[in-house]
Amino acid sequence: MFKYIFIFLFSFGIAFADVSFKDKLKTSQKGDFVVYEFNKLYSLLSIFDIDDDKIILEEVSIPKNNFKDSSFLDWINKGFLGSTSHMLYEIDLNKNKIIDAYSISRNAWIDLSKESSFLIKLLSLDLKRIKDSERKKIGPKINGEVDRRMVWNPKMFKNNQIIKKPSFDVFKTLWPDDGSDFSNKEFFIYFDKNNNNFSLPYFIEISTNGLSFMIKNMDSGNNLKSKISKFPKRAPQIIDILDNKDSILIKIKSWENFNKFYLYAIDVTGYEKDILNIANTSYQDDGFTFLKIQKDNLNTIFKKDNKYKWVAQPYENREILIEKKDLFVWK
C-alpha cells in the first residue's frame, strides 16, 4: 500500500485551506523530480509530462542495498541501474483519476483497481495549513515558560547539495477510522515555501500512537530527461456484449478516450465471410463507451441462427481494429 502513497498524494484534487492540490500540481514543469527514502527503499518521482487536462508521473525505485552510485544524479544518468520497479502513471486532472499505469520493468500494463477504495477515501480528505506555532519544535518544552523554540525542519536536497536553512509550508490531514493501514493516522506534508512552482512534497510524516513513519527527501531538481519517449498506449477492448430486449450494447474500454466507433459484424457461419456495416449510437458511462444497436435494424440484415463476430474501429484511428472473440448468434 505504501508504494503508491506518492502517486495518490500527488495526483488528486485534495483541498488545501486556500488552493486545491490539483491547481498546485498544474504549476509543475516537465522534468521536476524528487528522490525519496522510505522503508529501506529509494524512489524517484518525476513529472514525465503535463498539460491542462492530464499529467504523467514516472516512478523508479531501488532498494538501498542495491544503490552503488556516488550520487542520485549519477544513478539517473546511468539509466537507473539496479532499480527493481519502473512505472508510469497517466492521470486525468479533470476527473481526478488514474487513466492507466504501465510498468517499464515488467513491460506490462498494471491494473490499479485494487486501490480504488484507497483512492475514494483520499479524494475526500482535506489538508489544512499548519501555523508555525503548531509545528514540531526543536528541543524539549519547558513547562511554565513561553515557548521560544525554533520550528523543526527536515533536510532539503537539490541537485546533490543540501540546502542551508530551508523553509517549508506544512499541511496536515487525518485519515478516517476505516480499518485500513492508514486508519486514524495523521499526515504531515512539507512543501518548499520559497518555490510555489515546485509542487512535489519534500517530506511526509505519518504519525500514529506516538510513532512516526517518515518519507524523506534525498535529492530533487528540474529538467529531468526521461529515457522513455512516450507513455505506451494499449488498444481499446470490447469488454462485453449486452443482449437487451430491444437493443444490443457493445461495451468498450478505451484508454485513449475514443468515443465513437465504426462497427462491423462478420458472418462466419459459412465459407463466405460477409462483412456488414452496423449503424450505432454511442454514449459514455463510468469510463466505458457503449455502442447501441437497435434490434429492428438487425432484423433486415442478420440471418436467424447465423454466427457473427463483432469488430469495432475508432473514428480517430482507422489503423486500429478490435474484435470480440466470442461469437454472437442471432435468434
Protein backbone atom coordinates (compact mmCIF):
# COMPACT_ATOMS: atom_id res chain seq x y z
CA MET A 1 0.00 0.00 0.00
CA PHE A 2 2.78 2.45 0.90
CA LYS A 3 4.31 2.01 -2.55
CA TYR A 4 1.51 4.10 -4.11
CA ILE A 5 1.34 6.82 -1.47
CA PHE A 6 3.40 9.28 -3.54
CA ILE A 7 1.28 8.78 -6.64
CA PHE A 8 -2.03 9.18 -4.83
CA LEU A 9 -0.99 12.18 -2.75
CA PHE A 10 0.43 13.98 -5.79
CA SER A 11 -2.31 13.16 -8.26
CA PHE A 12 -5.70 14.14 -6.97
CA GLY A 13 -7.78 17.18 -6.14
CA ILE A 14 -7.29 17.23 -2.38
CA ALA A 15 -8.37 20.58 -0.98
CA PHE A 16 -5.92 22.86 0.81
CA ALA A 17 -7.12 25.73 3.01
CA ASP A 18 -6.63 28.21 0.17
CA VAL A 19 -5.92 26.22 -3.02
CA SER A 20 -6.59 22.72 -4.31
CA PHE A 21 -3.64 20.43 -4.78
CA LYS A 22 -4.74 19.88 -8.36
CA ASP A 23 -4.30 23.59 -9.07
CA LYS A 24 -0.92 23.50 -7.36
CA LEU A 25 0.07 20.47 -9.41
CA LYS A 26 -0.75 22.28 -12.66
CA THR A 27 2.08 24.74 -11.94
CA SER A 28 4.61 21.90 -12.20
CA GLN A 29 7.07 21.73 -15.04
CA LYS A 30 8.00 18.71 -17.12
CA GLY A 31 11.18 17.25 -15.63
CA ASP A 32 10.61 18.29 -11.99
CA PHE A 33 11.66 15.42 -9.71
CA VAL A 34 12.23 14.34 -6.11
CA VAL A 35 14.07 11.28 -4.76
CA TYR A 36 12.58 9.86 -1.54
CA GLU A 37 13.75 7.39 1.08
CA PHE A 38 11.25 5.16 2.85
CA ASN A 39 11.39 1.66 4.33
CA LYS A 40 14.90 0.86 3.02
CA LEU A 41 13.91 1.99 -0.47
CA TYR A 42 14.82 4.95 -2.67
CA SER A 43 12.07 6.14 -5.02
CA LEU A 44 12.40 8.80 -7.71
CA LEU A 45 9.20 10.58 -8.72
CA SER A 46 9.21 12.94 -11.69
CA ILE A 47 6.80 14.91 -13.88
CA PHE A 48 7.09 12.90 -17.11
CA ASP A 49 4.61 15.12 -18.97
CA ILE A 50 1.85 17.59 -18.14
CA ASP A 51 -0.84 19.68 -19.83
CA ASP A 52 -4.13 21.29 -18.77
CA ASP A 53 -6.03 18.00 -18.76
CA LYS A 54 -3.63 15.29 -17.61
CA ILE A 55 -0.28 14.54 -16.04
CA ILE A 56 2.06 11.56 -16.41
CA LEU A 57 4.23 10.66 -13.42
CA GLU A 58 7.33 8.48 -13.62
CA GLU A 59 8.41 6.47 -10.58
CA VAL A 60 11.64 4.46 -10.28
CA SER A 61 12.52 2.51 -7.11
CA ILE A 62 15.67 0.78 -5.89
CA PRO A 63 16.48 -0.97 -2.58
CA LYS A 64 19.08 0.98 -0.60
CA ASN A 65 21.37 -2.08 -0.61
CA ASN A 66 21.33 -2.07 -4.44
CA PHE A 67 22.34 1.58 -4.72
CA LYS A 68 26.04 1.74 -5.71
CA ASP A 69 26.37 5.15 -7.40
CA SER A 70 28.10 8.17 -5.87
CA SER A 71 25.00 10.36 -6.29
CA PHE A 72 21.40 10.15 -7.42
CA LEU A 73 22.22 12.27 -10.47
CA ASP A 74 24.81 9.63 -11.50
CA TRP A 75 22.19 6.92 -10.98
CA ILE A 76 19.69 8.83 -13.13
CA ASN A 77 22.25 9.46 -15.91
CA LYS A 78 23.24 5.76 -15.94
CA GLY A 79 19.65 4.71 -16.56
CA PHE A 80 18.61 3.69 -13.01
CA LEU A 81 21.00 0.71 -12.69
CA GLY A 82 19.83 -1.75 -10.02
CA SER A 83 16.23 -0.49 -9.96
CA THR A 84 13.54 -3.06 -9.20
CA SER A 85 10.48 -1.05 -10.28
CA HIS A 86 9.98 1.48 -13.07
CA MET A 87 6.43 2.79 -13.50
CA LEU A 88 4.48 5.39 -15.48
CA TYR A 89 1.10 6.70 -14.25
CA GLU A 90 -1.25 8.67 -16.51
CA ILE A 91 -3.70 10.80 -14.51
CA ASP A 92 -6.81 12.73 -15.60
CA LEU A 93 -6.68 16.11 -13.84
CA ASN A 94 -10.31 16.92 -14.67
CA LYS A 95 -11.84 13.67 -13.40
CA ASN A 96 -9.26 13.12 -10.63
CA LYS A 97 -8.49 9.53 -11.53
CA ILE A 98 -5.69 7.34 -12.83
CA ILE A 99 -6.28 6.61 -16.51
CA ASP A 100 -3.68 3.87 -16.78
CA ALA A 101 -0.41 2.60 -15.34
CA TYR A 102 2.46 0.93 -17.17
CA SER A 103 5.43 -0.98 -15.76
CA ILE A 104 8.60 -0.36 -17.77
CA SER A 105 10.48 -3.01 -15.79
CA ARG A 106 7.81 -5.67 -16.45
CA ASN A 107 6.83 -4.41 -19.93
CA ALA A 108 3.16 -4.64 -18.97
CA TRP A 109 0.16 -2.51 -18.06
CA ILE A 110 -0.83 -2.62 -14.38
CA ASP A 111 -4.37 -2.89 -13.01
CA LEU A 112 -4.79 -0.50 -10.08
CA SER A 113 -8.44 -1.40 -9.42
CA LYS A 114 -7.48 -2.93 -6.06
CA GLU A 115 -6.53 0.55 -4.89
CA SER A 116 -9.93 2.07 -5.68
CA SER A 117 -11.19 2.19 -2.08
CA PHE A 118 -7.98 3.94 -1.01
CA LEU A 119 -8.40 6.48 -3.79
CA ILE A 120 -12.00 7.25 -2.88
CA LYS A 121 -11.04 7.92 0.73
CA LEU A 122 -8.07 10.06 -0.23
CA LEU A 123 -10.15 12.21 -2.55
CA SER A 124 -12.46 13.13 0.32
CA LEU A 125 -9.75 14.33 2.70
CA ASP A 126 -8.88 17.96 3.38
CA LEU A 127 -5.37 19.22 4.01
CA LYS A 128 -5.06 22.17 6.37
CA ARG A 129 -2.13 24.55 6.62
CA ILE A 130 -0.32 24.43 9.98
CA LYS A 131 0.75 27.63 11.70
CA ASP A 132 4.34 27.86 12.90
CA SER A 133 3.06 27.89 16.49
CA GLU A 134 1.51 24.43 15.88
CA ARG A 135 4.51 22.85 14.19
CA LYS A 136 7.04 20.45 15.64
CA LYS A 137 9.75 22.27 17.61
CA ILE A 138 13.45 21.68 18.30
CA GLY A 139 14.23 20.51 21.84
CA PRO A 140 12.02 19.76 24.86
CA LYS A 141 9.33 22.14 26.02
CA ILE A 142 9.92 23.83 29.41
CA ASN A 143 6.72 23.99 31.46
CA GLY A 144 5.66 27.41 32.68
CA GLU A 145 7.69 29.37 30.13
CA VAL A 146 6.77 30.98 26.81
CA ASP A 147 7.66 28.54 24.06
CA ARG A 148 10.51 30.16 22.15
CA ARG A 149 11.78 27.00 20.50
CA MET A 150 12.53 27.11 16.78
CA VAL A 151 10.34 25.09 14.41
CA TRP A 152 11.80 21.81 13.22
CA ASN A 153 12.52 21.47 9.50
CA PRO A 154 13.54 18.35 7.60
CA LYS A 155 16.58 18.35 5.34
CA MET A 156 16.18 19.61 1.79
CA PHE A 157 18.42 18.40 -1.04
CA LYS A 158 18.62 19.96 -4.51
CA ASN A 159 20.97 18.89 -7.31
CA ASN A 160 23.01 16.69 -4.97
CA GLN A 161 23.54 19.52 -2.45
CA ILE A 162 21.97 20.15 0.93
CA ILE A 163 20.12 23.48 1.21
CA LYS A 164 21.03 25.58 4.21
CA LYS A 165 18.13 26.88 6.30
CA PRO A 166 15.26 25.55 4.15
CA SER A 167 11.76 26.94 4.65
CA PHE A 168 8.58 24.86 4.39
CA ASP A 169 4.81 25.20 4.20
CA VAL A 170 3.32 22.33 6.20
CA PHE A 171 -0.15 20.79 5.80
CA LYS A 172 -1.85 18.01 7.75
CA THR A 173 -4.81 15.65 7.44
CA LEU A 174 -6.32 12.82 9.50
CA TRP A 175 -7.19 9.54 7.84
CA PRO A 176 -10.66 8.25 8.89
CA ASP A 177 -11.19 5.15 11.03
CA ASP A 178 -11.77 2.69 8.17
CA GLY A 179 -9.71 -0.34 9.23
CA SER A 180 -7.05 0.31 6.56
CA ASP A 181 -3.28 0.64 7.04
CA PHE A 182 -3.78 4.42 7.31
CA SER A 183 -6.71 4.30 9.76
CA ASN A 184 -6.60 7.22 12.28
CA LYS A 185 -3.15 8.27 11.13
CA GLU A 186 -2.13 11.91 10.80
CA PHE A 187 -0.30 13.00 7.65
CA PHE A 188 2.09 15.98 7.75
CA ILE A 189 3.25 17.11 4.30
CA TYR A 190 6.09 19.60 3.73
CA PHE A 191 6.39 21.79 0.59
CA ASP A 192 9.12 24.24 -0.41
CA LYS A 193 7.87 27.60 0.88
CA ASN A 194 10.19 29.57 -1.43
CA ASN A 195 9.19 27.89 -4.70
CA ASN A 196 5.43 27.85 -5.39
CA ASN A 197 6.03 26.36 -8.85
CA PHE A 198 7.52 23.15 -7.42
CA SER A 199 4.54 21.04 -6.36
CA LEU A 200 6.21 17.83 -5.15
CA PRO A 201 6.49 17.45 -1.36
CA TYR A 202 9.92 17.28 0.24
CA PHE A 203 8.92 15.38 3.35
CA ILE A 204 5.91 13.34 4.54
CA GLU A 205 5.37 12.19 8.12
CA ILE A 206 2.68 9.68 9.07
CA SER A 207 2.02 9.63 12.82
CA THR A 208 0.12 7.15 14.99
CA ASN A 209 0.24 6.16 18.67
CA GLY A 210 3.37 8.20 19.30
CA LEU A 211 5.23 6.57 16.39
CA SER A 212 6.13 8.20 13.07
CA PHE A 213 6.84 6.92 9.59
CA MET A 214 8.94 9.39 7.63
CA ILE A 215 9.29 9.71 3.86
CA LYS A 216 12.46 11.75 3.43
CA ASN A 217 13.79 13.84 0.56
CA MET A 218 17.21 12.67 -0.68
CA ASP A 219 17.53 14.84 -3.80
CA SER A 220 15.45 16.98 -6.15
CA GLY A 221 15.78 19.05 -9.29
CA ASN A 222 14.40 20.14 -12.63
CA ASN A 223 14.66 19.26 -16.32
CA LEU A 224 14.98 15.51 -15.83
CA LYS A 225 15.26 13.86 -19.26
CA SER A 226 13.44 10.52 -19.17
CA LYS A 227 14.83 7.52 -21.04
CA ILE A 228 11.23 6.73 -22.10
CA SER A 229 9.98 8.61 -25.17
CA LYS A 230 6.23 8.33 -24.54
CA PHE A 231 3.56 6.61 -22.44
CA PRO A 232 2.69 3.23 -24.05
CA LYS A 233 -0.97 3.11 -25.05
CA ARG A 234 -2.97 -0.08 -25.08
CA ALA A 235 -5.60 -0.67 -27.75
CA PRO A 236 -9.31 -0.45 -26.89
CA GLN A 237 -11.03 -3.68 -25.87
CA ILE A 238 -14.55 -4.99 -26.35
CA ILE A 239 -15.38 -5.97 -22.78
CA ASP A 240 -18.89 -7.36 -23.13
CA ILE A 241 -21.94 -7.77 -25.39
CA LEU A 242 -25.20 -6.94 -23.61
CA ASP A 243 -28.25 -8.51 -25.28
CA ASN A 244 -31.32 -6.49 -24.21
CA LYS A 245 -34.94 -6.77 -25.27
CA ASP A 246 -34.92 -4.10 -27.96
CA SER A 247 -31.22 -3.41 -28.42
CA ILE A 248 -27.69 -4.75 -28.22
CA LEU A 249 -24.95 -2.87 -26.33
CA ILE A 250 -21.28 -3.26 -27.20
CA LYS A 251 -19.25 -2.32 -24.09
CA ILE A 252 -15.78 -0.94 -24.92
CA LYS A 253 -12.92 0.11 -22.66
CA SER A 254 -10.74 2.78 -24.29
CA TRP A 255 -7.64 4.20 -22.61
CA GLU A 256 -7.24 6.94 -25.26
CA ASN A 257 -10.74 8.37 -24.88
CA PHE A 258 -12.02 7.10 -28.23
CA ASN A 259 -15.72 7.93 -28.01
CA LYS A 260 -17.05 6.98 -31.47
CA PHE A 261 -16.54 3.74 -33.36
CA TYR A 262 -17.35 2.25 -36.72
CA LEU A 263 -18.99 -1.11 -36.05
CA TYR A 264 -18.98 -4.23 -38.24
CA ALA A 265 -20.47 -7.71 -37.94
CA ILE A 266 -18.74 -10.52 -39.82
CA ASP A 267 -20.96 -13.50 -40.71
CA VAL A 268 -18.69 -16.50 -40.03
CA THR A 269 -21.36 -19.18 -40.47
CA GLY A 270 -20.48 -20.31 -43.97
CA TYR A 271 -17.42 -20.38 -46.20
CA GLU A 272 -18.00 -16.83 -47.45
CA LYS A 273 -17.42 -14.20 -44.77
CA ASP A 274 -19.90 -11.36 -45.25
CA ILE A 275 -18.86 -8.06 -43.61
CA LEU A 276 -21.82 -5.92 -42.56
CA ASN A 277 -21.62 -2.24 -41.62
CA ILE A 278 -23.74 -1.75 -38.47
CA ALA A 279 -25.32 1.59 -37.62
CA ASN A 280 -24.94 2.52 -33.96
CA THR A 281 -25.20 5.35 -31.47
CA SER A 282 -22.59 5.78 -28.74
CA TYR A 283 -22.51 7.12 -25.21
CA GLN A 284 -20.07 7.10 -22.26
CA ASP A 285 -20.71 5.84 -18.76
CA ASP A 286 -18.31 5.16 -15.86
CA GLY A 287 -15.21 5.13 -18.07
CA PHE A 288 -16.68 2.90 -20.78
CA THR A 289 -18.03 3.58 -24.27
CA PHE A 290 -21.28 1.83 -25.21
CA LEU A 291 -22.34 1.26 -28.83
CA LYS A 292 -26.11 0.81 -29.05
CA ILE A 293 -27.69 -1.14 -31.93
CA GLN A 294 -31.45 -1.35 -32.38
CA LYS A 295 -32.59 -4.94 -33.00
CA ASP A 296 -35.16 -3.75 -35.54
CA ASN A 297 -32.27 -2.67 -37.76
CA LEU A 298 -30.61 -6.08 -37.47
CA ASN A 299 -33.76 -7.98 -38.48
CA THR A 300 -33.25 -6.86 -42.07
CA ILE A 301 -29.57 -7.90 -42.36
CA PHE A 302 -28.96 -10.71 -39.85
CA LYS A 303 -29.99 -14.31 -40.55
CA LYS A 304 -31.54 -16.49 -37.89
CA ASP A 305 -29.12 -18.88 -36.12
CA ASN A 306 -26.13 -17.44 -38.02
CA LYS A 307 -22.93 -16.68 -36.12
CA TYR A 308 -21.39 -13.21 -36.17
CA LYS A 309 -18.14 -11.68 -34.95
CA TRP A 310 -18.25 -8.06 -33.74
CA VAL A 311 -15.44 -5.75 -34.90
CA ALA A 312 -15.04 -2.07 -33.93
CA GLN A 313 -12.80 0.68 -35.32
CA PRO A 314 -12.23 4.11 -33.69
CA TYR A 315 -13.21 7.16 -35.75
CA GLU A 316 -9.95 8.82 -34.72
CA ASN A 317 -7.66 5.95 -35.75
CA ARG A 318 -8.64 3.74 -38.67
CA GLU A 319 -5.49 1.63 -38.17
CA ILE A 320 -6.97 0.08 -35.02
CA LEU A 321 -9.36 -2.86 -35.27
CA ILE A 322 -10.72 -4.59 -32.17
CA GLU A 323 -12.86 -7.69 -32.09
CA LYS A 324 -14.83 -9.83 -29.68
CA LYS A 325 -13.57 -13.41 -29.95
CA ASP A 326 -16.82 -14.89 -28.62
CA LEU A 327 -19.29 -15.29 -31.47
CA PHE A 328 -22.79 -13.77 -31.40
CA VAL A 329 -25.69 -15.97 -32.53
CA TRP A 330 -28.73 -14.17 -33.95
CA LYS A 331 -32.00 -15.67 -32.67
